[in-house]
Amino acid sequence: RSLSQIITYDAFHKAEAFLRQPLLVIAGSEAGSKWMSDDL
């Protein structure tokens, strides 16, 4: 039942408006999740 909520979850929702503090992103070049770091 919760699958539809998980699939649509966006941890960075409104980052373009509210994430104004200093930010350091560290990611591995071979990480399957690197696209999320690029997006953030």
Full PDB file with SEQRES, HELIX, SHEET, SSBOND, CRYST1, ORIGX, SCALE, CONECT and MASTER records, all heavy atoms in Angstrom:
SEQRES   1 A   40  ARG SER LEU SER GLN ILE ILE THR TYR ASP ALA PHE HIS          
SEQRES   2 A   40  LYS ALA GLU ALA PHE LEU ARG GLN PRO LEU LEU VAL ILE          
SEQRES   3 A   40  ALA GLY SER GLU ALA GLY SER LYS TRP MET SER ASP ASP          
SEQRES   4 A   40  LEU                                                          
HELIX    1 AA1 LEU A    3  ILE A    7  1                                   5    
HELIX    2 AA2 ALA A   15  PHE A   18  1                                   4    
HELIX    3 AA3 LYS A   34  ASP A   39  1                                   6    
CRYST1    1.000    1.000    1.000  90.00  90.00  90.00 P 1           1          
ORIGX1      1.000000  0.000000  0.000000        0.00000                         
ORIGX2      0.000000  1.000000  0.000000        0.00000                         
ORIGX3      0.000000  0.000000  1.000000        0.00000                         
SCALE1      1.000000  0.000000  0.000000        0.00000                         
SCALE2      0.000000  1.000000  0.000000        0.00000                         
SCALE3      0.000000  0.000000  1.000000        0.00000                         
ATOM      1  N   ARG A   1       0.809  -1.220   0.000  1.00  0.00           N  
ATOM      2  CA  ARG A   1       0.000   0.000   0.000  1.00  0.00           C  
ATOM      3  C   ARG A   1       0.842   1.270   0.000  1.00  0.00           C  
ATOM      4  O   ARG A   1       0.434   2.307  -0.516  1.00  0.00           O  
ATOM      5  CB  ARG A   1      -0.895  -0.019   1.232  1.00  0.00           C  
ATOM      6  CG  ARG A   1      -2.283   0.444   0.962  1.00  0.00           C  
ATOM      7  CD  ARG A   1      -3.115   0.197   2.152  1.00  0.00           C  
ATOM      8  NE  ARG A   1      -3.050   1.420   2.954  1.00  0.00           N  
ATOM      9  CZ  ARG A   1      -3.695   1.598   4.064  1.00  0.00           C  
ATOM     10  NH1 ARG A   1      -4.409   0.639   4.567  1.00  0.00           N  
ATOM     11  NH2 ARG A   1      -3.620   2.720   4.715  1.00  0.00           N  
ATOM     12  N   SER A   2       2.031   1.209   0.592  1.00  0.00           N  
ATOM     13  CA  SER A   2       2.875   2.404   0.687  1.00  0.00           C  
ATOM     14  C   SER A   2       3.779   2.596  -0.529  1.00  0.00           C  
ATOM     15  O   SER A   2       4.477   3.600  -0.627  1.00  0.00           O  
ATOM     16  CB  SER A   2       3.735   2.340   1.945  1.00  0.00           C  
ATOM     17  OG  SER A   2       4.670   1.277   1.864  1.00  0.00           O  
ATOM     18  N   LEU A   3       3.769   1.659  -1.455  1.00  0.00           N  
ATOM     19  CA  LEU A   3       4.661   1.728  -2.612  1.00  0.00           C  
ATOM     20  C   LEU A   3       4.473   3.015  -3.414  1.00  0.00           C  
ATOM     21  O   LEU A   3       5.438   3.657  -3.821  1.00  0.00           O  
ATOM     22  CB  LEU A   3       4.455   0.508  -3.505  1.00  0.00           C  
ATOM     23  CG  LEU A   3       5.469   0.291  -4.605  1.00  0.00           C  
ATOM     24  CD1 LEU A   3       6.889   0.211  -4.033  1.00  0.00           C  
ATOM     25  CD2 LEU A   3       5.141  -0.968  -5.387  1.00  0.00           C  
ATOM     26  N   SER A   4       3.245   3.436  -3.635  1.00  0.00           N  
ATOM     27  CA  SER A   4       3.002   4.655  -4.420  1.00  0.00           C  
ATOM     28  C   SER A   4       3.556   5.893  -3.717  1.00  0.00           C  
ATOM     29  O   SER A   4       3.981   6.849  -4.367  1.00  0.00           O  
ATOM     30  CB  SER A   4       1.514   4.838  -4.709  1.00  0.00           C  
ATOM     31  OG  SER A   4       0.807   5.020  -3.494  1.00  0.00           O  
ATOM     32  N   GLN A   5       3.581   5.890  -2.393  1.00  0.00           N  
ATOM     33  CA  GLN A   5       4.142   7.019  -1.653  1.00  0.00           C  
ATOM     34  C   GLN A   5       5.663   7.026  -1.737  1.00  0.00           C  
ATOM     35  O   GLN A   5       6.278   8.078  -1.828  1.00  0.00           O  
ATOM     36  CB  GLN A   5       3.694   6.970  -0.199  1.00  0.00           C  
ATOM     37  CG  GLN A   5       2.207   7.168  -0.042  1.00  0.00           C  
ATOM     38  CD  GLN A   5       1.743   6.873   1.367  1.00  0.00           C  
ATOM     39  OE1 GLN A   5       2.305   6.027   2.044  1.00  0.00           O  
ATOM     40  NE2 GLN A   5       0.715   7.577   1.806  1.00  0.00           N  
ATOM     41  N   ILE A   6       6.265   5.865  -1.692  1.00  0.00           N  
ATOM     42  CA  ILE A   6       7.725   5.771  -1.755  1.00  0.00           C  
ATOM     43  C   ILE A   6       8.230   6.141  -3.140  1.00  0.00           C  
ATOM     44  O   ILE A   6       9.219   6.860  -3.282  1.00  0.00           O  
ATOM     45  CB  ILE A   6       8.182   4.353  -1.355  1.00  0.00           C  
ATOM     46  CG1 ILE A   6       7.901   4.119   0.124  1.00  0.00           C  
ATOM     47  CG2 ILE A   6       9.656   4.138  -1.665  1.00  0.00           C  
ATOM     48  CD1 ILE A   6       8.081   2.689   0.573  1.00  0.00           C  
ATOM     49  N   ILE A   7       7.575   5.667  -4.169  1.00  0.00           N  
ATOM     50  CA  ILE A   7       8.012   5.922  -5.541  1.00  0.00           C  
ATOM     51  C   ILE A   7       7.999   7.414  -5.857  1.00  0.00           C  
ATOM     52  O   ILE A   7       8.875   7.921  -6.554  1.00  0.00           O  
ATOM     53  CB  ILE A   7       7.143   5.129  -6.541  1.00  0.00           C  
ATOM     54  CG1 ILE A   7       7.472   3.639  -6.433  1.00  0.00           C  
ATOM     55  CG2 ILE A   7       7.346   5.613  -7.969  1.00  0.00           C  
ATOM     56  CD1 ILE A   7       6.562   2.741  -7.227  1.00  0.00           C  
ATOM     57  N   THR A   8       7.021   8.132  -5.356  1.00  0.00           N  
ATOM     58  CA  THR A   8       6.897   9.558  -5.671  1.00  0.00           C  
ATOM     59  C   THR A   8       7.651  10.457  -4.703  1.00  0.00           C  
ATOM     60  O   THR A   8       7.666  11.673  -4.880  1.00  0.00           O  
ATOM     61  CB  THR A   8       5.414   9.974  -5.679  1.00  0.00           C  
ATOM     62  OG1 THR A   8       4.863   9.720  -4.388  1.00  0.00           O  
ATOM     63  CG2 THR A   8       4.642   9.208  -6.739  1.00  0.00           C  
ATOM     64  N   TYR A   9       8.305   9.880  -3.682  1.00  0.00           N  
ATOM     65  CA  TYR A   9       9.012  10.682  -2.682  1.00  0.00           C  
ATOM     66  C   TYR A   9      10.217  11.391  -3.305  1.00  0.00           C  
ATOM     67  O   TYR A   9      10.998  10.796  -4.030  1.00  0.00           O  
ATOM     68  CB  TYR A   9       9.479   9.800  -1.526  1.00  0.00           C  
ATOM     69  CG  TYR A   9      10.285  10.549  -0.489  1.00  0.00           C  
ATOM     70  CD1 TYR A   9       9.673  11.459   0.354  1.00  0.00           C  
ATOM     71  CD2 TYR A   9      11.659  10.366  -0.382  1.00  0.00           C  
ATOM     72  CE1 TYR A   9      10.395  12.160   1.300  1.00  0.00           C  
ATOM     73  CE2 TYR A   9      12.400  11.061   0.564  1.00  0.00           C  
ATOM     74  CZ  TYR A   9      11.759  11.948   1.398  1.00  0.00           C  
ATOM     75  OH  TYR A   9      12.483  12.645   2.321  1.00  0.00           O  
ATOM     76  N   ASP A  10      10.363  12.661  -3.034  1.00  0.00           N  
ATOM     77  CA  ASP A  10      11.492  13.460  -3.524  1.00  0.00           C  
ATOM     78  C   ASP A  10      12.151  14.128  -2.316  1.00  0.00           C  
ATOM     79  O   ASP A  10      11.637  15.102  -1.782  1.00  0.00           O  
ATOM     80  CB  ASP A  10      10.983  14.512  -4.505  1.00  0.00           C  
ATOM     81  CG  ASP A  10      12.088  15.427  -5.033  1.00  0.00           C  
ATOM     82  OD1 ASP A  10      13.270  15.215  -4.694  1.00  0.00           O  
ATOM     83  OD2 ASP A  10      11.766  16.364  -5.784  1.00  0.00           O  
ATOM     84  N   ALA A  11      13.277  13.602  -1.903  1.00  0.00           N  
ATOM     85  CA  ALA A  11      13.967  14.126  -0.714  1.00  0.00           C  
ATOM     86  C   ALA A  11      14.439  15.563  -0.913  1.00  0.00           C  
ATOM     87  O   ALA A  11      14.707  16.267   0.056  1.00  0.00           O  
ATOM     88  CB  ALA A  11      15.155  13.231  -0.374  1.00  0.00           C  
ATOM     89  N   PHE A  12      14.549  15.999  -2.137  1.00  0.00           N  
ATOM     90  CA  PHE A  12      15.056  17.347  -2.423  1.00  0.00           C  
ATOM     91  C   PHE A  12      13.960  18.294  -2.887  1.00  0.00           C  
ATOM     92  O   PHE A  12      14.239  19.330  -3.480  1.00  0.00           O  
ATOM     93  CB  PHE A  12      16.173  17.272  -3.463  1.00  0.00           C  
ATOM     94  CG  PHE A  12      17.250  16.284  -3.119  1.00  0.00           C  
ATOM     95  CD1 PHE A  12      17.729  15.406  -4.064  1.00  0.00           C  
ATOM     96  CD2 PHE A  12      17.784  16.219  -1.841  1.00  0.00           C  
ATOM     97  CE1 PHE A  12      18.734  14.497  -3.754  1.00  0.00           C  
ATOM     98  CE2 PHE A  12      18.773  15.321  -1.514  1.00  0.00           C  
ATOM     99  CZ  PHE A  12      19.246  14.453  -2.478  1.00  0.00           C  
ATOM    100  N   HIS A  13      12.703  17.948  -2.603  1.00  0.00           N  
ATOM    101  CA  HIS A  13      11.578  18.795  -2.992  1.00  0.00           C  
ATOM    102  C   HIS A  13      11.780  20.217  -2.466  1.00  0.00           C  
ATOM    103  O   HIS A  13      12.039  20.427  -1.298  1.00  0.00           O  
ATOM    104  CB  HIS A  13      10.280  18.196  -2.429  1.00  0.00           C  
ATOM    105  CG  HIS A  13       9.059  18.956  -2.792  1.00  0.00           C  
ATOM    106  ND1 HIS A  13       8.593  19.046  -4.086  1.00  0.00           N  
ATOM    107  CD2 HIS A  13       8.202  19.688  -2.045  1.00  0.00           C  
ATOM    108  CE1 HIS A  13       7.510  19.782  -4.110  1.00  0.00           C  
ATOM    109  NE2 HIS A  13       7.253  20.191  -2.882  1.00  0.00           N  
ATOM    110  N   LYS A  14      11.698  21.175  -3.346  1.00  0.00           N  
ATOM    111  CA  LYS A  14      11.841  22.599  -3.037  1.00  0.00           C  
ATOM    112  C   LYS A  14      13.273  23.014  -2.667  1.00  0.00           C  
ATOM    113  O   LYS A  14      13.482  24.078  -2.092  1.00  0.00           O  
ATOM    114  CB  LYS A  14      10.876  23.033  -1.931  1.00  0.00           C  
ATOM    115  CG  LYS A  14       9.423  22.868  -2.311  1.00  0.00           C  
ATOM    116  CD  LYS A  14       9.009  23.886  -3.323  1.00  0.00           C  
ATOM    117  CE  LYS A  14       7.519  23.803  -3.582  1.00  0.00           C  
ATOM    118  NZ  LYS A  14       7.090  24.700  -4.612  1.00  0.00           N  
ATOM    119  N   ALA A  15      14.272  22.190  -3.001  1.00  0.00           N  
ATOM    120  CA  ALA A  15      15.670  22.559  -2.731  1.00  0.00           C  
ATOM    121  C   ALA A  15      16.026  23.856  -3.448  1.00  0.00           C  
ATOM    122  O   ALA A  15      16.806  24.664  -2.939  1.00  0.00           O  
ATOM    123  CB  ALA A  15      16.619  21.445  -3.174  1.00  0.00           C  
ATOM    124  N   GLU A  16      15.434  24.073  -4.598  1.00  0.00           N  
ATOM    125  CA  GLU A  16      15.721  25.290  -5.364  1.00  0.00           C  
ATOM    126  C   GLU A  16      15.175  26.543  -4.672  1.00  0.00           C  
ATOM    127  O   GLU A  16      15.592  27.657  -4.981  1.00  0.00           O  
ATOM    128  CB  GLU A  16      15.183  25.186  -6.790  1.00  0.00           C  
ATOM    129  CG  GLU A  16      13.711  24.903  -6.908  1.00  0.00           C  
ATOM    130  CD  GLU A  16      13.324  23.439  -6.732  1.00  0.00           C  
ATOM    131  OE1 GLU A  16      14.183  22.547  -6.694  1.00  0.00           O  
ATOM    132  OE2 GLU A  16      12.116  23.200  -6.608  1.00  0.00           O  
ATOM    133  N   ALA A  17      14.297  26.373  -3.718  1.00  0.00           N  
ATOM    134  CA  ALA A  17      13.752  27.509  -2.976  1.00  0.00           C  
ATOM    135  C   ALA A  17      14.308  27.616  -1.561  1.00  0.00           C  
ATOM    136  O   ALA A  17      14.585  28.717  -1.088  1.00  0.00           O  
ATOM    137  CB  ALA A  17      12.224  27.397  -2.912  1.00  0.00           C  
ATOM    138  N   PHE A  18      14.477  26.482  -0.894  1.00  0.00           N  
ATOM    139  CA  PHE A  18      14.778  26.513   0.538  1.00  0.00           C  
ATOM    140  C   PHE A  18      16.199  26.106   0.931  1.00  0.00           C  
ATOM    141  O   PHE A  18      16.629  26.417   2.036  1.00  0.00           O  
ATOM    142  CB  PHE A  18      13.792  25.635   1.302  1.00  0.00           C  
ATOM    143  CG  PHE A  18      12.368  26.107   1.171  1.00  0.00           C  
ATOM    144  CD1 PHE A  18      11.407  25.302   0.599  1.00  0.00           C  
ATOM    145  CD2 PHE A  18      12.002  27.370   1.603  1.00  0.00           C  
ATOM    146  CE1 PHE A  18      10.098  25.733   0.469  1.00  0.00           C  
ATOM    147  CE2 PHE A  18      10.703  27.817   1.480  1.00  0.00           C  
ATOM    148  CZ  PHE A  18       9.750  27.003   0.913  1.00  0.00           C  
ATOM    149  N   LEU A  19      16.934  25.417   0.069  1.00  0.00           N  
ATOM    150  CA  LEU A  19      18.286  24.966   0.429  1.00  0.00           C  
ATOM    151  C   LEU A  19      19.277  26.089   0.125  1.00  0.00           C  
ATOM    152  O   LEU A  19      19.932  26.116  -0.903  1.00  0.00           O  
ATOM    153  CB  LEU A  19      18.654  23.681  -0.314  1.00  0.00           C  
ATOM    154  CG  LEU A  19      19.979  23.035   0.074  1.00  0.00           C  
ATOM    155  CD1 LEU A  19      20.114  22.832   1.575  1.00  0.00           C  
ATOM    156  CD2 LEU A  19      20.155  21.716  -0.646  1.00  0.00           C  
ATOM    157  N   ARG A  20      19.355  27.039   1.056  1.00  0.00           N  
ATOM    158  CA  ARG A  20      20.168  28.245   0.863  1.00  0.00           C  
ATOM    159  C   ARG A  20      21.438  28.250   1.698  1.00  0.00           C  
ATOM    160  O   ARG A  20      22.299  29.091   1.507  1.00  0.00           O  
ATOM    161  CB  ARG A  20      19.335  29.479   1.191  1.00  0.00           C  
ATOM    162  CG  ARG A  20      18.129  29.612   0.305  1.00  0.00           C  
ATOM    163  CD  ARG A  20      17.379  30.903   0.552  1.00  0.00           C  
ATOM    164  NE  ARG A  20      16.268  31.043  -0.358  1.00  0.00           N  
ATOM    165  CZ  ARG A  20      16.368  31.423  -1.624  1.00  0.00           C  
ATOM    166  NH1 ARG A  20      17.537  31.686  -2.135  1.00  0.00           N  
ATOM    167  NH2 ARG A  20      15.291  31.521  -2.382  1.00  0.00           N  
ATOM    168  N   GLN A  21      21.561  27.342   2.644  1.00  0.00           N  
ATOM    169  CA  GLN A  21      22.750  27.300   3.490  1.00  0.00           C  
ATOM    170  C   GLN A  21      23.932  26.706   2.711  1.00  0.00           C  
ATOM    171  O   GLN A  21      23.743  26.104   1.661  1.00  0.00           O  
ATOM    172  CB  GLN A  21      22.484  26.520   4.780  1.00  0.00           C  
ATOM    173  CG  GLN A  21      22.154  25.069   4.582  1.00  0.00           C  
ATOM    174  CD  GLN A  21      20.668  24.808   4.469  1.00  0.00           C  
ATOM    175  OE1 GLN A  21      19.934  25.574   3.865  1.00  0.00           O  
ATOM    176  NE2 GLN A  21      20.220  23.721   5.031  1.00  0.00           N  
ATOM    177  N   PRO A  22      25.160  26.894   3.212  1.00  0.00           N  
ATOM    178  CA  PRO A  22      26.328  26.322   2.539  1.00  0.00           C  
ATOM    179  C   PRO A  22      26.136  24.816   2.335  1.00  0.00           C  
ATOM    180  O   PRO A  22      25.581  24.123   3.191  1.00  0.00           O  
ATOM    181  CB  PRO A  22      27.473  26.607   3.498  1.00  0.00           C  
ATOM    182  CG  PRO A  22      27.032  27.813   4.258  1.00  0.00           C  
ATOM    183  CD  PRO A  22      25.545  27.652   4.406  1.00  0.00           C  
ATOM    184  N   LEU A  23      26.596  24.341   1.204  1.00  0.00           N  
ATOM    185  CA  LEU A  23      26.367  22.943   0.828  1.00  0.00           C  
ATOM    186  C   LEU A  23      27.645  22.324   0.295  1.00  0.00           C  
ATOM    187  O   LEU A  23      28.317  22.905  -0.560  1.00  0.00           O  
ATOM    188  CB  LEU A  23      25.280  22.891  -0.251  1.00  0.00           C  
ATOM    189  CG  LEU A  23      24.973  21.536  -0.880  1.00  0.00           C  
ATOM    190  CD1 LEU A  23      24.333  20.602   0.155  1.00  0.00           C  
ATOM    191  CD2 LEU A  23      24.052  21.711  -2.087  1.00  0.00           C  
ATOM    192  N   LEU A  24      27.971  21.167   0.814  1.00  0.00           N  
ATOM    193  CA  LEU A  24      29.060  20.340   0.284  1.00  0.00           C  
ATOM    194  C   LEU A  24      28.460  19.000  -0.073  1.00  0.00           C  
ATOM    195  O   LEU A  24      27.885  18.322   0.782  1.00  0.00           O  
ATOM    196  CB  LEU A  24      30.171  20.155   1.311  1.00  0.00           C  
ATOM    197  CG  LEU A  24      31.243  19.111   0.960  1.00  0.00           C  
ATOM    198  CD1 LEU A  24      31.997  19.502  -0.313  1.00  0.00           C  
ATOM    199  CD2 LEU A  24      32.203  18.926   2.119  1.00  0.00           C  
ATOM    200  N   VAL A  25      28.569  18.623  -1.330  1.00  0.00           N  
ATOM    201  CA  VAL A  25      28.096  17.332  -1.798  1.00  0.00           C  
ATOM    202  C   VAL A  25      29.317  16.483  -2.105  1.00  0.00           C  
ATOM    203  O   VAL A  25      30.229  16.932  -2.790  1.00  0.00           O  
ATOM    204  CB  VAL A  25      27.215  17.483  -3.060  1.00  0.00           C  
ATOM    205  CG1 VAL A  25      26.793  16.128  -3.600  1.00  0.00           C  
ATOM    206  CG2 VAL A  25      26.008  18.351  -2.782  1.00  0.00           C  
ATOM    207  N   ILE A  26      29.336  15.259  -1.568  1.00  0.00           N  
ATOM    208  CA  ILE A  26      30.417  14.316  -1.852  1.00  0.00           C  
ATOM    209  C   ILE A  26      29.776  13.056  -2.409  1.00  0.00           C  
ATOM    210  O   ILE A  26      28.851  12.507  -1.810  1.00  0.00           O  
ATOM    211  CB  ILE A  26      31.228  13.986  -0.585  1.00  0.00           C  
ATOM    212  CG1 ILE A  26      31.873  15.253  -0.024  1.00  0.00           C  
ATOM    213  CG2 ILE A  26      32.287  12.923  -0.891  1.00  0.00           C  
ATOM    214  CD1 ILE A  26      32.611  15.064   1.286  1.00  0.00           C  
ATOM    215  N   ALA A  27      30.263  12.613  -3.554  1.00  0.00           N  
ATOM    216  CA  ALA A  27      29.709  11.420  -4.194  1.00  0.00           C  
ATOM    217  C   ALA A  27      30.821  10.624  -4.846  1.00  0.00           C  
ATOM    218  O   ALA A  27      31.850  11.175  -5.235  1.00  0.00           O  
ATOM    219  CB  ALA A  27      28.675  11.819  -5.242  1.00  0.00           C  
ATOM    220  N   GLY A  28      30.594   9.334  -4.963  1.00  0.00           N  
ATOM    221  CA  GLY A  28      31.528   8.472  -5.674  1.00  0.00           C  
ATOM    222  C   GLY A  28      31.253   8.509  -7.163  1.00  0.00           C  
ATOM    223  O   GLY A  28      30.089   8.517  -7.577  1.00  0.00           O  
ATOM    224  N   SER A  29      32.289   8.513  -7.964  1.00  0.00           N  
ATOM    225  CA  SER A  29      32.105   8.583  -9.416  1.00  0.00           C  
ATOM    226  C   SER A  29      31.396   7.353  -9.964  1.00  0.00           C  
ATOM    227  O   SER A  29      30.750   7.422 -11.007  1.00  0.00           O  
ATOM    228  CB  SER A  29      33.456   8.765 -10.121  1.00  0.00           C  
ATOM    229  OG  SER A  29      34.276   7.622  -9.921  1.00  0.00           O  
ATOM    230  N   GLU A  30      31.497   6.238  -9.274  1.00  0.00           N  
ATOM    231  CA  GLU A  30      30.881   4.991  -9.730  1.00  0.00           C  
ATOM    232  C   GLU A  30      29.595   4.652  -8.968  1.00  0.00           C  
ATOM    233  O   GLU A  30      29.067   3.558  -9.118  1.00  0.00           O  
ATOM    234  CB  GLU A  30      31.874   3.832  -9.580  1.00  0.00           C  
ATOM    235  CG  GLU A  30      33.192   4.040 -10.310  1.00  0.00           C  
ATOM    236  CD  GLU A  30      33.010   4.310 -11.802  1.00  0.00           C  
ATOM    237  OE1 GLU A  30      32.222   3.601 -12.447  1.00  0.00           O  
ATOM    238  OE2 GLU A  30      33.640   5.258 -12.312  1.00  0.00           O  
ATOM    239  N   ALA A  31      29.117   5.574  -8.163  1.00  0.00           N  
ATOM    240  CA  ALA A  31      27.912   5.321  -7.366  1.00  0.00           C  
ATOM    241  C   ALA A  31      26.676   5.317  -8.261  1.00  0.00           C  
ATOM    242  O   ALA A  31      26.484   6.236  -9.059  1.00  0.00           O  
ATOM    243  CB  ALA A  31      27.772   6.378  -6.277  1.00  0.00           C  
ATOM    244  N   GLY A  32      25.850   4.318  -8.090  1.00  0.00           N  
ATOM    245  CA  GLY A  32      24.597   4.281  -8.832  1.00  0.00           C  
ATOM    246  C   GLY A  32      23.676   5.426  -8.451  1.00  0.00           C  
ATOM    247  O   GLY A  32      22.795   5.813  -9.209  1.00  0.00           O  
ATOM    248  N   SER A  33      23.901   5.988  -7.287  1.00  0.00           N  
ATOM    249  CA  SER A  33      23.084   7.094  -6.787  1.00  0.00           C  
ATOM    250  C   SER A  33      23.679   8.465  -7.106  1.00  0.00           C  
ATOM    251  O   SER A  33      23.134   9.475  -6.675  1.00  0.00           O  
ATOM    252  CB  SER A  33      22.922   6.956  -5.269  1.00  0.00           C  
ATOM    253  OG  SER A  33      24.199   6.952  -4.647  1.00  0.00           O  
ATOM    254  N   LYS A  34      24.777   8.510  -7.869  1.00  0.00           N  
ATOM    255  CA  LYS A  34      25.435   9.801  -8.141  1.00  0.00           C  
ATOM    256  C   LYS A  34      24.493  10.786  -8.838  1.00  0.00           C  
ATOM    257  O   LYS A  34      24.569  11.989  -8.607  1.00  0.00           O  
ATOM    258  CB  LYS A  34      26.703   9.627  -8.963  1.00  0.00           C  
ATOM    259  CG  LYS A  34      27.445  10.955  -9.161  1.00  0.00           C  
ATOM    260  CD  LYS A  34      28.753  10.769  -9.880  1.00  0.00           C  
ATOM    261  CE  LYS A  34      29.438  12.091 -10.121  1.00  0.00           C  
ATOM    262  NZ  LYS A  34      28.685  12.987 -11.017  1.00  0.00           N  
ATOM    263  N   TRP A  35      23.591  10.284  -9.642  1.00  0.00           N  
ATOM    264  CA  TRP A  35      22.662  11.177 -10.334  1.00  0.00           C  
ATOM    265  C   TRP A  35      21.847  12.000  -9.347  1.00  0.00           C  
ATOM    266  O   TRP A  35      21.479  13.140  -9.636  1.00  0.00           O  
ATOM    267  CB  TRP A  35      21.757  10.393 -11.281  1.00  0.00           C  
ATOM    268  CG  TRP A  35      20.762   9.508 -10.601  1.00  0.00           C  
ATOM    269  CD1 TRP A  35      20.936   8.205 -10.220  1.00  0.00           C  
ATOM    270  CD2 TRP A  35      19.449   9.869 -10.186  1.00  0.00           C  
ATOM    271  NE1 TRP A  35      19.812   7.727  -9.595  1.00  0.00           N  
ATOM    272  CE2 TRP A  35      18.872   8.730  -9.565  1.00  0.00           C  
ATOM    273  CE3 TRP A  35      18.696  11.024 -10.269  1.00  0.00           C  
ATOM    274  CZ2 TRP A  35      17.577   8.729  -9.042  1.00  0.00           C  
ATOM    275  CZ3 TRP A  35      17.410  11.027  -9.738  1.00  0.00           C  
ATOM    276  CH2 TRP A  35      16.863   9.890  -9.144  1.00  0.00           C  
ATOM    277  N   MET A  36      21.578  11.442  -8.165  1.00  0.00           N  
ATOM    278  CA  MET A  36      20.838  12.191  -7.153  1.00  0.00           C  
ATOM    279  C   MET A  36      21.678  13.348  -6.609  1.00  0.00           C  
ATOM    280  O   MET A  36      21.156  14.432  -6.360  1.00  0.00           O  
ATOM    281  CB  MET A  36      20.415  11.268  -6.013  1.00  0.00           C  
ATOM    282  CG  MET A  36      19.414  10.240  -6.395  1.00  0.00           C  
ATOM    283  SD  MET A  36      18.999   9.270  -4.945  1.00  0.00           S  
ATOM    284  CE  MET A  36      18.534   7.751  -5.711  1.00  0.00           C  
ATOM    285  N   SER A  37      22.970  13.110  -6.430  1.00  0.00           N  
ATOM    286  CA  SER A  37      23.866  14.175  -5.972  1.00  0.00           C  
ATOM    287  C   SER A  37      23.975  15.261  -7.032  1.00  0.00           C  
ATOM    288  O   SER A  37      23.976  16.453  -6.712  1.00  0.00           O  
ATOM    289  CB  SER A  37      25.251  13.595  -5.666  1.00  0.00           C  
ATOM    290  OG  SER A  37      25.167  12.621  -4.664  1.00  0.00           O  
ATOM    291  N   ASP A  38      24.083  14.857  -8.300  1.00  0.00           N  
ATOM    292  CA  ASP A  38      24.122  15.833  -9.399  1.00  0.00           C  
ATOM    293  C   ASP A  38      22.851  16.676  -9.412  1.00  0.00           C  
ATOM    294  O   ASP A  38      22.906  17.903  -9.564  1.00  0.00           O  
ATOM    295  CB  ASP A  38      24.265  15.114 -10.749  1.00  0.00           C  
ATOM    296  CG  ASP A  38      25.577  14.379 -10.914  1.00  0.00           C  
ATOM    297  OD1 ASP A  38      26.593  14.807 -10.330  1.00  0.00           O  
ATOM    298  OD2 ASP A  38      25.589  13.361 -11.634  1.00  0.00           O  
ATOM    299  N   ASP A  39      21.723  16.021  -9.214  1.00  0.00           N  
ATOM    300  CA  ASP A  39      20.431  16.714  -9.213  1.00  0.00           C  
ATOM    301  C   ASP A  39      20.334  17.700  -8.055  1.00  0.00           C  
ATOM    302  O   ASP A  39      19.931  18.849  -8.236  1.00  0.00           O  
ATOM    303  CB  ASP A  39      19.305  15.676  -9.144  1.00  0.00           C  
ATOM    304  CG  ASP A  39      17.926  16.306  -9.165  1.00  0.00           C  
ATOM    305  OD1 ASP A  39      17.684  17.192 -10.002  1.00  0.00           O  
ATOM    306  OD2 ASP A  39      17.086  15.897  -8.337  1.00  0.00           O  
ATOM    307  N   LEU A  40      20.712  17.244  -6.861  1.00  0.00           N  
ATOM    308  CA  LEU A  40      20.667  18.138  -5.695  1.00  0.00           C  
ATOM    309  C   LEU A  40      21.561  19.348  -5.917  1.00  0.00           C  
ATOM    310  O   LEU A  40      21.156  20.482  -5.673  1.00  0.00           O  
ATOM    311  CB  LEU A  40      21.104  17.410  -4.430  1.00  0.00           C  
ATOM    312  CG  LEU A  40      21.271  18.309  -3.192  1.00  0.00           C  
ATOM    313  CD1 LEU A  40      19.938  18.925  -2.794  1.00  0.00           C  
ATOM    314  CD2 LEU A  40      21.882  17.536  -2.052  1.00  0.00           C  
TER     315      LEU A  40                                                      
MASTER        0    0    0    3    0    0    0    6  314    1    0    4          
END                                                                             
